[in-house]
Amino acid sequence: MEHVQSSGGGPWGGVTVDDKFFTMLRELIGGRVWDDFCSEYPMEEYDLRLDFEGSKREVGTPLAFPFTKNVSYLLFLS
C-alpha cells in the first residue's frame, strides 16, 4: 500500500480538540481540583479521556458529557 497523502494535523485535529476540552474543564472546576483529581485518581482521568474520545467518534449522536458514564467522577467533584 502506497502512502498517498500524509495527515495534516493542525488546530482542527483530535488532539487539539481534546486539549481545548480538558483546558475548559480545568477552568470550570478549578485548577487545584483538577490537579488533585488527576493525581489522586489517574485511572479515572485516563478513563475520562477515553470516554471523551469515544464520544467524539459516535457519529450522528449529540456529544454526551463523559462525567455521566462513571459515578467516581461525580463523587470526586461533589
Foldseek 3Di string as FASTA:
>chain_A
DDDDDDDDDDCVDPVNVLVVVVVVVCVVLDVVLVVCCCVVPVVVVVVQSVQQVVQVPDPPDPRDRSCVVDVVVVVSSD
